[in-house]
N, C-alpha and C. Protein backbone atom coordinates (compact mmCIF):
# COMPACT_ATOMS: atom_id res chain seq x y z
N MET A 1 -4.45 -23.67 -2.30
CA MET A 1 -3.20 -22.43 -2.62
C MET A 1 -3.89 -21.41 -1.70
N THR A 2 -3.68 -20.78 -0.65
CA THR A 2 -3.60 -19.59 0.57
C THR A 2 -2.92 -18.54 0.39
N SER A 3 -3.96 -17.46 0.23
CA SER A 3 -2.82 -16.46 0.51
C SER A 3 -2.56 -15.57 1.95
N THR A 4 -1.65 -14.69 2.71
CA THR A 4 -2.24 -13.95 3.80
C THR A 4 -2.82 -12.96 3.40
N GLN A 5 -4.50 -12.72 3.61
CA GLN A 5 -4.33 -11.05 3.69
C GLN A 5 -4.06 -10.06 5.16
N ARG A 6 -3.23 -9.36 5.14
CA ARG A 6 -3.37 -8.24 6.31
C ARG A 6 -4.81 -7.91 6.53
N THR A 7 -5.41 -7.52 7.41
CA THR A 7 -5.61 -7.03 8.44
C THR A 7 -6.24 -5.78 9.23
N TRP A 8 -6.27 -4.69 8.96
CA TRP A 8 -6.50 -3.70 9.62
C TRP A 8 -7.58 -3.20 10.44
N LEU A 9 -5.94 -3.26 11.72
CA LEU A 9 -7.92 -3.20 12.85
C LEU A 9 -7.18 -2.11 13.96
N THR A 10 -8.38 -1.51 14.59
CA THR A 10 -7.81 -0.30 15.79
C THR A 10 -7.36 -1.52 16.60
N GLN A 11 -6.69 -0.19 17.69
CA GLN A 11 -6.32 -0.92 19.11
C GLN A 11 -7.83 -1.31 19.81
N ASN A 12 -9.33 -0.96 20.31
CA ASN A 12 -10.55 -1.55 19.77
C ASN A 12 -10.58 -3.00 19.60
N ALA A 13 -10.60 -2.89 18.01
CA ALA A 13 -10.95 -3.59 17.52
C ALA A 13 -10.74 -5.30 18.17
N TYR A 14 -8.53 -5.48 17.76
CA TYR A 14 -7.22 -6.51 18.07
C TYR A 14 -8.27 -6.73 19.34
N ASP A 15 -7.95 -5.86 20.42
CA ASP A 15 -8.68 -6.19 22.14
C ASP A 15 -9.86 -6.92 22.54
N ARG A 16 -10.89 -6.61 21.70
CA ARG A 16 -12.29 -7.23 21.44
C ARG A 16 -12.24 -8.28 21.61
N LEU A 17 -11.22 -9.17 19.95
CA LEU A 17 -11.36 -9.91 19.47
C LEU A 17 -10.62 -11.16 20.45
N ARG A 18 -9.07 -10.65 20.85
CA ARG A 18 -8.60 -11.05 21.58
C ARG A 18 -8.98 -11.25 22.65
N GLU A 19 -10.25 -10.90 23.70
CA GLU A 19 -10.96 -11.51 24.90
C GLU A 19 -11.84 -12.22 24.49
N GLU A 20 -12.53 -12.21 23.18
CA GLU A 20 -13.46 -13.01 22.20
C GLU A 20 -12.87 -14.31 22.30
N LEU A 21 -11.74 -14.45 22.15
CA LEU A 21 -10.66 -15.80 21.31
C LEU A 21 -10.61 -16.07 22.83
N ALA A 22 -9.72 -15.36 23.65
CA ALA A 22 -9.95 -16.04 24.92
C ALA A 22 -11.58 -16.70 25.95
N ASP A 23 -12.06 -16.45 25.86
CA ASP A 23 -13.57 -16.27 26.61
C ASP A 23 -14.04 -17.87 25.62
N LEU A 24 -13.90 -18.08 24.30
CA LEU A 24 -14.01 -19.34 24.08
C LEU A 24 -13.17 -20.60 24.30
N LEU A 25 -11.87 -20.14 23.74
CA LEU A 25 -10.59 -20.85 23.97
C LEU A 25 -11.18 -21.57 25.74
N ALA A 26 -11.44 -20.63 26.97
CA ALA A 26 -11.50 -21.32 27.59
C ALA A 26 -12.65 -22.15 28.54
N HIS A 27 -13.98 -21.62 27.67
CA HIS A 27 -14.74 -22.54 27.99
C HIS A 27 -14.62 -24.35 26.62
N ARG A 28 -13.30 -24.74 25.76
CA ARG A 28 -13.42 -25.08 25.19
C ARG A 28 -12.77 -26.62 26.29
N THR A 29 -12.74 -26.39 27.27
CA THR A 29 -12.32 -26.77 28.75
C THR A 29 -13.36 -28.34 28.54
N GLY A 30 -14.58 -27.82 28.22
CA GLY A 30 -15.76 -28.76 28.69
C GLY A 30 -16.34 -29.96 27.37
N ASP A 31 -15.22 -29.94 26.21
CA ASP A 31 -15.95 -29.60 25.16
C ASP A 31 -15.75 -31.47 25.26
N GLY A 32 -15.31 -31.95 25.74
CA GLY A 32 -15.53 -33.67 25.47
C GLY A 32 -16.27 -34.46 26.85
N ASP A 33 -17.27 -33.46 27.23
CA ASP A 33 -18.76 -34.08 28.20
C ASP A 33 -19.43 -34.55 27.28
N ALA A 34 -20.35 -34.29 25.79
CA ALA A 34 -20.57 -35.22 25.28
C ALA A 34 -20.57 -37.15 25.42
N THR A 35 -21.72 -38.12 25.73
CA THR A 35 -21.59 -38.89 25.37
C THR A 35 -22.81 -39.17 24.28
N PRO A 36 -22.15 -40.59 23.45
CA PRO A 36 -23.16 -41.02 22.09
C PRO A 36 -24.65 -41.06 22.65
N HIS A 37 -25.14 -41.35 24.27
CA HIS A 37 -26.01 -41.74 24.54
C HIS A 37 -27.25 -40.43 25.19
N ASP A 38 -25.72 -39.51 25.01
CA ASP A 38 -26.91 -38.00 25.81
C ASP A 38 -28.23 -37.66 24.70
N PRO A 39 -29.18 -37.38 24.43
CA PRO A 39 -29.96 -36.75 23.73
C PRO A 39 -29.42 -35.47 22.90
N ASP A 40 -29.30 -34.69 23.62
CA ASP A 40 -28.27 -33.50 23.29
C ASP A 40 -27.17 -33.44 22.63
N SER A 41 -26.27 -34.92 22.50
CA SER A 41 -24.84 -35.25 22.04
C SER A 41 -24.85 -33.93 20.28
N ASN A 42 -25.65 -33.93 19.99
CA ASN A 42 -25.63 -33.69 18.37
C ASN A 42 -25.50 -32.40 18.22
N GLU A 43 -26.40 -31.00 19.40
CA GLU A 43 -26.71 -30.46 19.18
C GLU A 43 -24.82 -30.34 19.83
N GLU A 44 -24.89 -30.60 21.12
CA GLU A 44 -23.53 -30.38 21.41
C GLU A 44 -21.61 -29.92 19.96
N ILE A 45 -22.22 -31.54 19.63
CA ILE A 45 -21.47 -31.42 18.62
C ILE A 45 -21.15 -30.23 18.14
N MET A 46 -22.55 -29.98 17.66
CA MET A 46 -21.72 -28.90 16.37
C MET A 46 -21.96 -28.06 17.00
N GLU A 47 -22.08 -27.61 18.12
CA GLU A 47 -21.34 -26.15 18.42
C GLU A 47 -20.02 -25.97 19.12
N ARG A 48 -19.88 -27.38 19.54
CA ARG A 48 -18.81 -27.86 19.43
C ARG A 48 -17.32 -27.55 17.93
N GLU A 49 -17.78 -27.68 16.99
CA GLU A 49 -17.62 -27.88 15.50
C GLU A 49 -18.07 -25.95 15.33
N ARG A 50 -18.99 -25.59 15.55
CA ARG A 50 -18.80 -23.64 15.88
C ARG A 50 -17.94 -23.29 16.24
N ARG A 51 -17.62 -22.96 16.91
CA ARG A 51 -16.60 -22.68 18.68
C ARG A 51 -15.78 -22.67 17.23
N GLN A 52 -15.14 -24.20 17.82
CA GLN A 52 -13.50 -24.32 16.33
C GLN A 52 -13.23 -23.55 15.78
N ALA A 53 -14.70 -23.62 14.92
CA ALA A 53 -14.25 -23.20 13.81
C ALA A 53 -13.83 -21.23 13.74
N ARG A 54 -14.69 -20.76 14.43
CA ARG A 54 -14.72 -19.27 15.21
C ARG A 54 -12.88 -19.52 15.34
N ILE A 55 -12.76 -20.71 16.44
CA ILE A 55 -11.70 -20.31 17.60
C ILE A 55 -10.45 -19.95 15.78
N HIS A 56 -10.88 -20.84 15.39
CA HIS A 56 -9.84 -20.47 14.34
C HIS A 56 -9.39 -19.12 13.29
N GLN A 57 -10.80 -18.91 12.74
CA GLN A 57 -11.23 -17.61 12.48
C GLN A 57 -10.58 -16.59 13.55
N LEU A 58 -10.43 -16.18 14.43
CA LEU A 58 -10.18 -15.43 15.27
C LEU A 58 -8.29 -16.04 15.45
N GLU A 59 -7.68 -16.63 15.54
CA GLU A 59 -6.28 -16.72 15.82
C GLU A 59 -5.92 -16.17 14.56
N ASP A 60 -6.56 -16.71 13.50
CA ASP A 60 -5.88 -16.08 11.58
C ASP A 60 -5.96 -15.18 11.65
N LEU A 61 -7.63 -14.51 11.77
CA LEU A 61 -7.41 -12.59 11.97
C LEU A 61 -6.06 -11.90 12.60
N LEU A 62 -6.36 -12.49 14.21
CA LEU A 62 -5.55 -11.80 15.00
C LEU A 62 -3.21 -12.26 14.63
N LYS A 63 -3.90 -13.32 13.96
CA LYS A 63 -2.00 -13.29 13.81
C LYS A 63 -1.42 -12.43 12.71
N ASN A 64 -2.40 -12.91 11.24
CA ASN A 64 -2.36 -11.79 10.90
C ASN A 64 -2.71 -9.89 10.38
N ALA A 65 -3.12 -9.40 11.96
CA ALA A 65 -3.71 -8.43 12.06
C ALA A 65 -2.73 -7.32 11.88
N VAL A 66 -2.81 -6.00 11.10
CA VAL A 66 -1.85 -4.21 11.39
C VAL A 66 -2.89 -3.72 12.59
N VAL A 67 -1.78 -3.62 13.35
CA VAL A 67 -3.30 -3.05 14.69
C VAL A 67 -3.01 -1.72 15.03
N GLY A 68 -3.14 -0.43 15.05
CA GLY A 68 -3.14 0.53 15.71
C GLY A 68 -2.02 1.41 14.15
N GLU A 69 -1.87 1.52 13.14
CA GLU A 69 -0.95 1.98 12.04
C GLU A 69 -1.72 2.26 11.08
N ASP A 70 -1.71 3.22 10.77
CA ASP A 70 -2.01 3.46 9.75
C ASP A 70 -1.76 3.13 8.52
N PRO A 71 -2.20 3.07 6.94
CA PRO A 71 -1.32 2.45 6.13
C PRO A 71 -0.70 4.00 5.39
N PRO A 72 -0.20 3.47 4.86
CA PRO A 72 0.57 4.86 3.98
C PRO A 72 -0.08 5.68 3.62
N ASP A 73 0.14 6.78 3.21
CA ASP A 73 -0.69 8.02 2.79
C ASP A 73 -0.39 7.98 1.45
N ASP A 74 -0.29 7.33 0.58
CA ASP A 74 -0.26 7.27 -1.07
C ASP A 74 -1.72 7.49 -2.13
N GLY A 75 -2.49 7.02 -1.81
CA GLY A 75 -3.91 7.88 -1.99
C GLY A 75 -4.26 6.72 -2.72
N VAL A 76 -3.93 5.63 -2.26
CA VAL A 76 -4.20 4.20 -2.51
C VAL A 76 -4.92 2.84 -1.77
N ALA A 77 -6.50 2.75 -2.32
CA ALA A 77 -7.70 2.62 -1.16
C ALA A 77 -6.98 1.08 -0.88
N GLU A 78 -6.91 1.21 0.61
CA GLU A 78 -6.74 -0.38 1.12
C GLU A 78 -7.26 -0.63 2.72
N PRO A 79 -7.28 -1.68 3.56
CA PRO A 79 -7.57 -2.03 4.17
C PRO A 79 -7.68 -0.37 5.13
N GLY A 80 -8.19 0.28 6.35
CA GLY A 80 -7.50 1.14 6.89
C GLY A 80 -7.21 2.70 6.33
N MET A 81 -8.30 2.87 5.11
CA MET A 81 -8.08 3.63 4.67
C MET A 81 -9.90 4.47 4.34
N VAL A 82 -9.41 5.62 4.37
CA VAL A 82 -11.29 6.61 3.97
C VAL A 82 -11.03 6.66 3.42
N LEU A 83 -12.16 6.09 2.32
CA LEU A 83 -12.70 6.38 0.98
C LEU A 83 -13.37 6.93 0.89
N THR A 84 -13.49 8.23 -0.57
CA THR A 84 -14.21 8.54 -1.41
C THR A 84 -14.44 8.53 -2.56
N VAL A 85 -15.83 7.79 -3.19
CA VAL A 85 -15.89 7.14 -4.10
C VAL A 85 -17.26 8.28 -4.67
N ARG A 86 -16.97 7.90 -5.99
CA ARG A 86 -18.60 8.36 -6.91
C ARG A 86 -18.67 7.48 -7.39
N TYR A 87 -19.80 7.29 -7.30
CA TYR A 87 -20.84 6.39 -8.58
C TYR A 87 -21.33 6.44 -9.27
N GLU A 88 -20.94 6.24 -10.96
CA GLU A 88 -21.33 7.03 -12.06
C GLU A 88 -22.87 6.76 -12.23
N GLY A 89 -23.36 8.28 -12.60
CA GLY A 89 -24.78 8.48 -12.36
C GLY A 89 -25.01 10.02 -11.57
N GLU A 90 -23.90 9.72 -10.36
CA GLU A 90 -24.41 10.46 -9.34
C GLU A 90 -23.72 11.76 -8.91
N GLU A 91 -23.94 12.67 -8.59
CA GLU A 91 -22.94 14.21 -7.98
C GLU A 91 -22.38 13.26 -7.03
N GLU A 92 -22.87 13.27 -6.15
CA GLU A 92 -22.53 12.61 -4.88
C GLU A 92 -21.66 11.97 -4.79
N THR A 93 -21.09 12.49 -3.41
CA THR A 93 -19.81 11.90 -2.89
C THR A 93 -20.19 10.43 -1.50
N GLU A 94 -19.29 9.50 -1.67
CA GLU A 94 -19.89 8.63 -0.15
C GLU A 94 -18.86 8.65 0.91
N THR A 95 -18.25 8.72 1.13
CA THR A 95 -17.05 8.53 2.45
C THR A 95 -17.34 7.10 3.15
N PHE A 96 -16.58 6.06 3.63
CA PHE A 96 -16.59 4.98 4.01
C PHE A 96 -14.94 4.51 4.85
N LEU A 97 -14.89 3.86 6.04
CA LEU A 97 -13.49 3.07 5.79
C LEU A 97 -13.83 1.94 5.60
N MET A 98 -12.69 1.66 4.45
CA MET A 98 -12.59 0.19 4.51
C MET A 98 -11.75 -0.35 5.35
N GLY A 99 -12.59 -1.35 6.28
CA GLY A 99 -11.90 -2.38 7.13
C GLY A 99 -13.00 -2.87 8.02
N LEU A 100 -12.91 -3.47 9.00
CA LEU A 100 -13.74 -4.19 10.10
C LEU A 100 -14.68 -3.47 10.65
N ARG A 101 -16.21 -3.66 11.13
CA ARG A 101 -16.15 -2.73 12.27
C ARG A 101 -15.96 -3.00 13.49
N ASP A 102 -15.86 -1.86 14.03
CA ASP A 102 -15.45 -1.37 15.05
C ASP A 102 -15.70 -0.80 16.00
N GLU A 103 -17.08 -0.80 17.81
CA GLU A 103 -17.24 0.19 17.87
C GLU A 103 -16.95 1.86 18.49
N SER A 104 -15.19 1.18 18.57
CA SER A 104 -14.28 2.66 18.48
C SER A 104 -14.27 3.89 17.70
N VAL A 105 -14.81 2.95 16.10
CA VAL A 105 -15.24 4.23 15.32
C VAL A 105 -15.88 5.23 15.22
N GLY A 106 -17.01 4.45 15.87
CA GLY A 106 -18.80 5.01 15.99
C GLY A 106 -19.33 5.78 15.20
N GLY A 107 -20.16 5.86 15.28
CA GLY A 107 -21.33 5.71 13.62
C GLY A 107 -21.32 7.59 13.09
N ASP A 108 -19.28 7.71 13.16
CA ASP A 108 -19.81 9.15 12.51
C ASP A 108 -19.50 8.77 11.02
N ILE A 109 -18.44 7.66 10.61
CA ILE A 109 -19.06 6.16 9.35
C ILE A 109 -18.92 5.93 9.36
N PRO A 110 -19.35 5.57 8.04
CA PRO A 110 -19.39 4.05 7.57
C PRO A 110 -18.40 2.98 7.60
N VAL A 111 -18.66 1.74 7.73
CA VAL A 111 -17.94 0.69 7.51
C VAL A 111 -18.08 -0.27 6.68
N TYR A 112 -17.19 -0.39 5.41
CA TYR A 112 -17.50 -1.79 4.48
C TYR A 112 -16.02 -2.21 4.70
N SER A 113 -16.53 -3.33 4.44
CA SER A 113 -15.22 -4.28 4.49
C SER A 113 -14.61 -5.12 3.65
N PRO A 114 -13.76 -4.70 3.64
CA PRO A 114 -12.80 -4.86 1.74
C PRO A 114 -12.56 -6.85 1.75
N ASN A 115 -13.79 -6.72 2.39
CA ASN A 115 -14.07 -8.76 0.94
C ASN A 115 -15.29 -8.58 0.34
N SER A 116 -15.69 -7.62 1.25
CA SER A 116 -17.25 -7.27 -0.05
C SER A 116 -17.12 -7.31 -1.59
N PRO A 117 -17.97 -7.32 -1.98
CA PRO A 117 -18.10 -6.70 -4.11
C PRO A 117 -17.33 -5.14 -4.31
N LEU A 118 -17.87 -4.39 -3.71
CA LEU A 118 -17.29 -2.89 -3.35
C LEU A 118 -15.33 -2.84 -3.37
N GLY A 119 -15.60 -3.17 -1.75
CA GLY A 119 -14.05 -3.38 -1.05
C GLY A 119 -12.93 -3.74 -2.02
N ILE A 120 -13.55 -5.30 -2.61
CA ILE A 120 -12.25 -6.13 -3.51
C ILE A 120 -12.32 -5.29 -4.72
N ALA A 121 -13.15 -4.60 -5.15
CA ALA A 121 -13.27 -3.98 -6.99
C ALA A 121 -12.30 -3.01 -6.27
N LEU A 122 -12.57 -2.26 -4.76
CA LEU A 122 -11.82 -1.05 -5.04
C LEU A 122 -10.00 -1.50 -4.33
N THR A 123 -9.70 -2.65 -3.82
CA THR A 123 -8.29 -2.72 -3.36
C THR A 123 -7.77 -2.41 -4.80
N GLY A 124 -6.33 -1.20 -3.99
CA GLY A 124 -5.71 -0.90 -5.14
C GLY A 124 -5.92 -0.10 -6.19
N ALA A 125 -7.30 0.46 -6.34
CA ALA A 125 -7.11 1.57 -6.91
C ALA A 125 -6.34 2.98 -6.30
N ARG A 126 -5.78 3.64 -7.46
CA ARG A 126 -5.14 4.59 -7.00
C ARG A 126 -6.57 6.02 -6.85
N GLU A 127 -6.20 7.13 -6.20
CA GLU A 127 -7.22 8.36 -7.15
C GLU A 127 -7.87 8.15 -8.43
N GLY A 128 -8.57 8.72 -8.96
CA GLY A 128 -9.48 9.46 -10.11
C GLY A 128 -9.12 7.78 -11.10
N GLU A 129 -8.85 6.79 -10.02
CA GLU A 129 -9.36 5.61 -10.70
C GLU A 129 -11.20 4.31 -10.78
N GLN A 130 -10.95 4.52 -12.00
CA GLN A 130 -12.67 3.91 -11.56
C GLN A 130 -12.18 1.82 -12.05
N ARG A 131 -13.77 1.71 -11.37
CA ARG A 131 -13.59 -0.09 -10.93
C ARG A 131 -14.57 -0.04 -10.83
N THR A 132 -15.55 -1.46 -11.82
CA THR A 132 -16.45 -2.14 -11.81
C THR A 132 -16.46 -3.14 -10.86
N TYR A 133 -17.74 -3.16 -9.67
CA TYR A 133 -18.01 -4.69 -9.22
C TYR A 133 -19.50 -4.68 -9.47
N GLU A 134 -19.62 -5.96 -9.35
CA GLU A 134 -21.52 -6.48 -8.89
C GLU A 134 -22.03 -6.87 -8.18
N LEU A 135 -23.00 -6.12 -8.36
CA LEU A 135 -23.88 -5.75 -6.95
C LEU A 135 -24.83 -7.60 -6.54
N PRO A 136 -25.74 -7.37 -5.91
CA PRO A 136 -26.56 -8.63 -6.04
C PRO A 136 -27.37 -8.91 -6.46
N ASN A 137 -27.44 -8.17 -6.60
CA ASN A 137 -29.42 -8.30 -8.12
C ASN A 137 -28.35 -9.31 -9.70
N GLY A 138 -26.63 -8.50 -9.68
CA GLY A 138 -26.00 -9.56 -10.47
C GLY A 138 -25.54 -8.40 -12.06
N ARG A 139 -26.32 -6.47 -12.10
CA ARG A 139 -25.99 -5.71 -12.01
C ARG A 139 -24.48 -5.74 -12.39
N THR A 140 -23.91 -5.00 -12.56
CA THR A 140 -22.45 -4.15 -12.39
C THR A 140 -22.94 -2.33 -12.25
N MET A 141 -22.12 -2.09 -11.60
CA MET A 141 -22.14 -0.76 -10.92
C MET A 141 -20.05 0.03 -11.14
N LYS A 142 -20.82 0.91 -11.37
CA LYS A 142 -19.19 1.76 -11.56
C LYS A 142 -18.74 2.39 -10.73
N VAL A 143 -16.94 2.75 -9.88
CA VAL A 143 -17.48 3.72 -8.89
C VAL A 143 -16.53 3.72 -9.30
N THR A 144 -15.46 5.48 -8.52
CA THR A 144 -14.17 6.36 -9.33
C THR A 144 -14.45 6.48 -7.61
N LEU A 145 -12.84 5.92 -7.72
CA LEU A 145 -12.54 6.57 -5.90
C LEU A 145 -11.86 7.94 -6.11
N VAL A 146 -12.54 8.72 -5.71
CA VAL A 146 -12.00 10.19 -6.06
C VAL A 146 -11.06 10.59 -4.46
N LYS A 147 -11.37 9.88 -3.78
CA LYS A 147 -9.69 10.39 -2.40
C LYS A 147 -9.66 8.86 -1.48
N ALA A 148 -8.41 8.96 -1.07
CA ALA A 148 -7.95 7.96 0.19
C ALA A 148 -7.16 8.43 0.66
N VAL A 149 -7.92 8.22 2.16
CA VAL A 149 -6.50 8.96 3.54
C VAL A 149 -6.54 7.83 4.12
N PRO A 150 -5.42 7.66 5.20
CA PRO A 150 -5.20 6.67 6.11
C PRO A 150 -6.39 7.52 6.93
N PHE A 151 -6.78 6.51 7.55
CA PHE A 151 -7.56 6.90 9.27
C PHE A 151 -7.12 7.76 9.91
N GLY A 152 -5.96 7.34 10.37
CA GLY A 152 -5.86 8.90 11.43
C GLY A 152 -5.72 9.72 10.76
N HIS A 153 -5.46 9.52 9.34
CA HIS A 153 -5.02 11.45 9.10
C HIS A 153 -6.86 11.75 9.19
N HIS A 154 -8.14 11.28 9.06
CA HIS A 154 -9.26 11.48 8.72
C HIS A 154 -9.18 11.71 9.99
N THR A 155 -9.34 10.87 10.65
CA THR A 155 -9.80 11.62 12.57
C THR A 155 -9.68 13.02 12.47
N THR A 156 -8.66 13.86 12.53
CA THR A 156 -7.33 14.58 12.68
C THR A 156 -8.27 15.82 12.03
N SER A 157 -8.60 15.20 10.85
CA SER A 157 -8.74 16.59 9.42
C SER A 157 -10.04 16.85 9.95
């Protein structure tokens, strides 16, 4: 069973991924040139398979992308939101964008994937809600969602 996950992208990220897909598709025309007697054919076959997998990944990502739209300003953590969190035992907060890395966002705010352990744990959380997620070392961490605002609102404030 597969579930369709919407991915929030800036217009810049969407355009960059479309260009990458177009380049991959343009280079696909020479994929049938390897022969079984060619010493590089195994490497070429592996490269074609890698390229084809990336094409499918990009097609799925772009087909399900939400481009340039802010999510609702409802205080719920989801892709496209700037989240402020507090980790258990710490006074300071951390603020980051939940989404895909994109050079148009710039270095002013970190970007965490919604597919990361932290992103998965926070998705759907409401302001003030505490969630637990597993760290790479197997330990667990508690994190509280302090604030969630749409990316567009964050950049204008």
